[in-house]
Protein backbone atom coordinates (compact mmCIF):
# COMPACT_ATOMS: atom_id res chain seq x y z
CA SER A 1 -28.19 -26.75 -5.50
CA GLY A 2 -31.44 -25.58 -7.09
CA MET A 3 -29.61 -23.57 -9.74
CA ARG A 4 -27.37 -26.52 -10.66
CA THR A 5 -30.41 -28.79 -10.91
CA SER A 6 -31.95 -26.43 -13.46
CA GLN A 7 -28.67 -26.28 -15.38
CA ILE A 8 -28.42 -30.07 -15.52
CA LYS A 9 -32.03 -30.31 -16.71
CA ALA A 10 -31.18 -27.82 -19.46
CA GLY A 11 -28.27 -30.02 -20.60
CA ALA A 12 -25.27 -28.46 -18.83
CA PRO A 13 -22.23 -30.75 -19.13
CA PHE A 14 -21.84 -32.02 -15.56
CA ASP A 15 -20.52 -35.48 -14.73
CA VAL A 16 -20.98 -35.45 -10.96
CA PHE A 17 -23.58 -33.61 -8.84
CA LEU A 18 -23.19 -33.08 -5.07
CA PRO A 19 -26.18 -31.00 -3.93
CA ALA A 20 -26.89 -30.02 -0.33
CA HIS A 21 -30.31 -31.67 -0.35
CA PRO A 22 -31.40 -35.11 -1.55
CA SER A 23 -34.45 -33.77 -3.39
CA TYR A 24 -32.27 -32.18 -6.07
CA SER A 25 -30.46 -35.44 -6.82
CA GLN A 26 -33.78 -37.27 -6.72
CA GLN A 27 -35.19 -34.91 -9.38
CA ILE A 28 -32.18 -35.57 -11.60
CA TYR A 29 -32.74 -39.31 -11.14
CA GLU A 30 -36.50 -39.07 -11.86
CA TRP A 31 -35.78 -37.13 -15.05
CA ASN A 32 -33.45 -40.00 -16.03
CA LEU A 33 -30.50 -37.62 -16.16
CA GLY A 34 -28.39 -39.17 -13.40
CA SER A 35 -27.83 -42.11 -11.09
CA ASN A 36 -29.91 -43.01 -8.08
CA PRO A 37 -28.49 -40.61 -5.46
CA ASP A 38 -26.22 -41.82 -2.66
CA THR A 39 -26.40 -39.91 0.62
CA PHE A 40 -22.93 -39.67 2.06
CA LEU A 41 -22.34 -36.33 3.84
CA LYS A 42 -24.06 -34.39 6.58
CA GLY A 43 -23.51 -30.64 6.55
CA GLN A 44 -23.54 -28.15 9.41
CA CYS A 45 -25.28 -24.77 9.28
CA VAL A 46 -23.62 -21.96 11.24
CA LEU A 47 -24.30 -18.33 12.02
CA TRP A 48 -21.33 -16.16 11.10
CA SER A 49 -20.98 -12.80 12.84
CA ARG A 50 -18.24 -10.30 12.09
CA GLU A 51 -17.50 -9.57 15.72
CA SER A 52 -16.54 -12.01 18.45
CA SER A 53 -19.33 -12.25 20.92
CA GLN A 54 -20.28 -14.09 24.08
CA LYS A 55 -23.96 -13.71 23.14
CA ASP A 56 -25.98 -16.74 22.17
CA VAL A 57 -27.27 -17.13 18.61
CA LYS A 58 -30.72 -15.74 19.44
CA ASP A 59 -29.29 -12.56 20.96
CA ILE A 60 -26.92 -12.09 18.02
CA LEU A 61 -29.86 -12.31 15.59
CA LEU A 62 -32.06 -9.97 17.62
CA SER A 63 -29.31 -7.33 17.87
CA ALA A 64 -28.29 -7.55 14.20
CA THR A 65 -29.33 -4.82 11.77
CA LYS A 66 -29.08 -6.96 8.62
CA ILE A 67 -28.94 -10.75 8.28
CA ALA A 68 -27.85 -12.60 5.13
CA LEU A 69 -29.89 -15.73 4.44
CA PRO A 70 -29.55 -17.99 1.40
CA LYS A 71 -32.98 -18.15 -0.31
CA PRO A 72 -34.88 -20.96 1.43
CA LYS A 73 -36.72 -22.02 -1.74
CA VAL A 74 -33.51 -22.88 -3.60
CA ALA A 75 -30.76 -23.10 -0.97
CA PRO A 76 -30.90 -25.97 1.55
CA TYR A 77 -28.85 -24.10 4.16
CA GLY A 78 -31.27 -21.18 3.91
CA ALA A 79 -34.26 -23.50 4.33
CA TYR A 80 -32.56 -25.15 7.31
CA ALA A 81 -31.85 -21.78 8.97
CA GLN A 82 -35.36 -20.47 8.32
CA ASN A 83 -36.96 -23.64 9.76
CA TRP A 84 -34.68 -23.37 12.78
CA MET A 85 -35.79 -19.75 13.33
CA LEU A 86 -39.45 -20.71 12.89
CA ASP A 87 -39.06 -23.53 15.45
CA LEU A 88 -37.60 -21.05 17.96
CA GLN A 89 -40.24 -18.43 17.13
CA LEU A 90 -37.54 -15.99 15.99
CA TRP A 91 -38.58 -15.65 12.35
CA ASP A 92 -41.31 -13.05 12.85
CA LEU A 93 -38.93 -10.97 14.99
CA ILE A 94 -36.10 -10.83 12.45
CA LYS A 95 -37.58 -11.41 8.97
CA HIS A 96 -37.61 -7.66 8.26
CA LYS A 97 -33.79 -7.69 8.68
CA VAL A 98 -33.17 -10.46 6.14
CA VAL A 99 -31.17 -9.83 2.98
CA TYR A 100 -31.62 -12.81 0.67
CA ALA A 101 -28.74 -14.37 -1.22
CA ALA A 102 -29.13 -16.90 -4.02
CA SER A 103 -26.89 -19.40 -2.19
CA VAL A 104 -24.45 -19.85 0.68
CA SER A 105 -21.60 -18.80 -1.60
CA GLN A 106 -23.42 -15.53 -2.27
CA ALA A 107 -24.35 -14.94 1.39
CA ASN A 108 -20.72 -15.07 2.51
CA PRO A 109 -19.55 -11.96 0.59
CA PHE A 110 -22.41 -9.94 2.14
CA ILE A 111 -20.90 -10.29 5.61
CA TYR A 112 -17.29 -10.25 4.46
CA SER A 113 -17.87 -6.86 2.81
CA GLY A 114 -19.69 -5.48 5.86
CA ASN A 115 -23.07 -5.15 4.12
CA VAL A 116 -24.71 -7.33 6.80
CA ASP A 117 -23.94 -8.01 10.46
CA VAL A 118 -24.45 -11.77 10.37
CA ALA A 119 -24.97 -14.51 7.80
CA PHE A 120 -26.19 -18.08 7.79
CA THR A 121 -23.66 -20.26 6.01
CA SER A 122 -22.18 -23.72 5.84
CA ALA A 123 -19.47 -24.81 8.27
CA SER A 124 -17.52 -25.74 5.15
CA ALA A 125 -16.86 -22.00 4.65
CA ILE A 126 -15.11 -21.57 8.01
CA PRO A 127 -11.60 -22.71 6.95
CA LEU A 128 -11.74 -20.21 4.06
CA ILE A 129 -12.59 -17.25 6.29
CA SER A 130 -10.00 -15.62 8.48
CA LYS A 131 -12.10 -13.69 10.97
CA GLY A 132 -15.39 -13.64 12.78
CA ASN A 133 -17.43 -15.72 15.14
CA PHE A 134 -19.13 -18.95 14.07
CA GLN A 135 -21.88 -20.61 16.05
CA PRO A 136 -23.56 -23.86 14.99
CA ILE A 137 -27.33 -24.00 14.79
CA SER A 138 -27.60 -27.75 15.05
CA GLN A 139 -30.68 -27.89 17.24
CA HIS A 140 -32.99 -28.25 14.25
CA GLU A 141 -34.07 -31.88 13.87
CA ILE A 142 -33.83 -32.23 10.09
CA PRO A 143 -30.17 -32.60 9.06
CA ILE A 144 -28.61 -31.23 5.88
CA TYR A 145 -27.67 -34.27 3.81
CA HIS A 146 -25.46 -33.99 0.76
CA THR A 147 -25.92 -36.58 -1.95
CA LEU A 148 -23.95 -37.77 -4.94
CA SER A 149 -25.41 -38.34 -8.38
CA ILE A 150 -23.46 -39.45 -11.40
CA ILE A 151 -24.67 -37.49 -14.42
CA GLY A 152 -22.24 -38.90 -16.96
CA ASP A 153 -21.45 -42.49 -17.82
CA PRO A 154 -20.71 -44.20 -14.47
CA HIS A 155 -18.28 -46.58 -16.19
CA ARG A 156 -16.02 -43.82 -17.56
CA LYS A 157 -12.51 -43.88 -16.13
CA GLU A 158 -12.78 -40.28 -14.86
CA ILE A 159 -16.04 -40.99 -13.02
CA LYS A 160 -14.50 -44.05 -11.36
CA GLU A 161 -11.53 -41.89 -10.32
CA VAL A 162 -13.85 -39.28 -8.77
CA ARG A 163 -15.71 -41.99 -6.83
CA HIS A 164 -12.39 -43.48 -5.70
CA PHE A 165 -11.20 -40.04 -4.54
CA LEU A 166 -14.46 -39.36 -2.66
CA GLN A 167 -13.98 -42.63 -0.76
CA SER A 168 -10.28 -42.11 -0.03
CA GLU A 169 -8.95 -41.32 3.43
CA SER A 170 -7.53 -38.00 2.21
CA SER A 171 -10.98 -37.03 0.95
CA ARG A 172 -12.57 -38.07 4.24
CA MET A 173 -10.05 -35.96 6.16
CA LEU A 174 -10.79 -33.01 3.88
CA PHE A 175 -14.56 -33.38 4.37
CA ARG A 176 -14.10 -33.47 8.16
CA GLU A 177 -11.79 -30.44 8.04
CA TYR A 178 -14.53 -28.54 6.23
CA GLY A 179 -17.20 -29.39 8.77
CA PHE A 180 -18.88 -32.38 7.15
CA GLN A 181 -19.70 -35.72 8.72
CA LEU A 182 -19.53 -38.84 6.58
CA VAL A 183 -22.85 -40.65 6.73
CA ASN A 184 -22.39 -43.62 4.41
CA PRO A 185 -19.60 -45.02 2.33
CA LEU A 186 -20.33 -44.73 -1.36
CA PRO A 187 -21.22 -47.90 -3.27
CA GLN A 188 -18.54 -48.97 -5.74
CA SER A 189 -20.61 -47.99 -8.78
CA ALA A 190 -23.79 -46.20 -9.63
CA SER A 191 -26.22 -47.19 -12.31
CA ARG A 192 -28.88 -45.19 -14.06
C-alpha cells in the first residue's frame, strides 16, 4: 500500500487504488490525485505456519526460529501484527527472530520457500496456498480496513465498470472467499 501510494504520487498510471489502510487513500485524496476514499472491506490478519499444530499463536511464535513480518511502517498487515504482539507483550520476546518483508506478498514466499517458520499474512492468501496452518489474530481492536479511491476520471466507462463489478454479487462472493468482510456498499460514483 505504501509503495503504491508513492508510485501514484510520482504519476504512475493507476485508475483504481485499493490499499489496506485508509491513510494511503486519504493521502492520495489530500494531494488531489484521487477521489475521497470509500471504506468497503475489512481484512483479516493470520499467522501462517508450515506445520500443522495444536499450539496457540503465542506458543507458535515463541517456538519459531524465524518469523516473516511485512514492514510495519509501510505494510498495514505488518503494523497490525506488530501492534497485536505489543498488546500481548510478545514483541520483545520475538523481535530478534523477525525477518522483514516489504509487503504481505513478499512475506509469503519466505515461508513457502522454508526460509522462515511462520509468517504474518492476509487471510486473502489462504486460498492460494495449498499447505500449512493458518490462525487468525483478530483480537487486536483496530481492524484492517481496505478503501477504494478512483485515481482516473470517475465518469470513464471503464471506471464505472470496475465500480459495478466491485458491487456485484459475484465480487462479494469472491471477497468473502478470500477472507474479507464487506463493510459498506460503494456509492454509485466518486468525485474528486
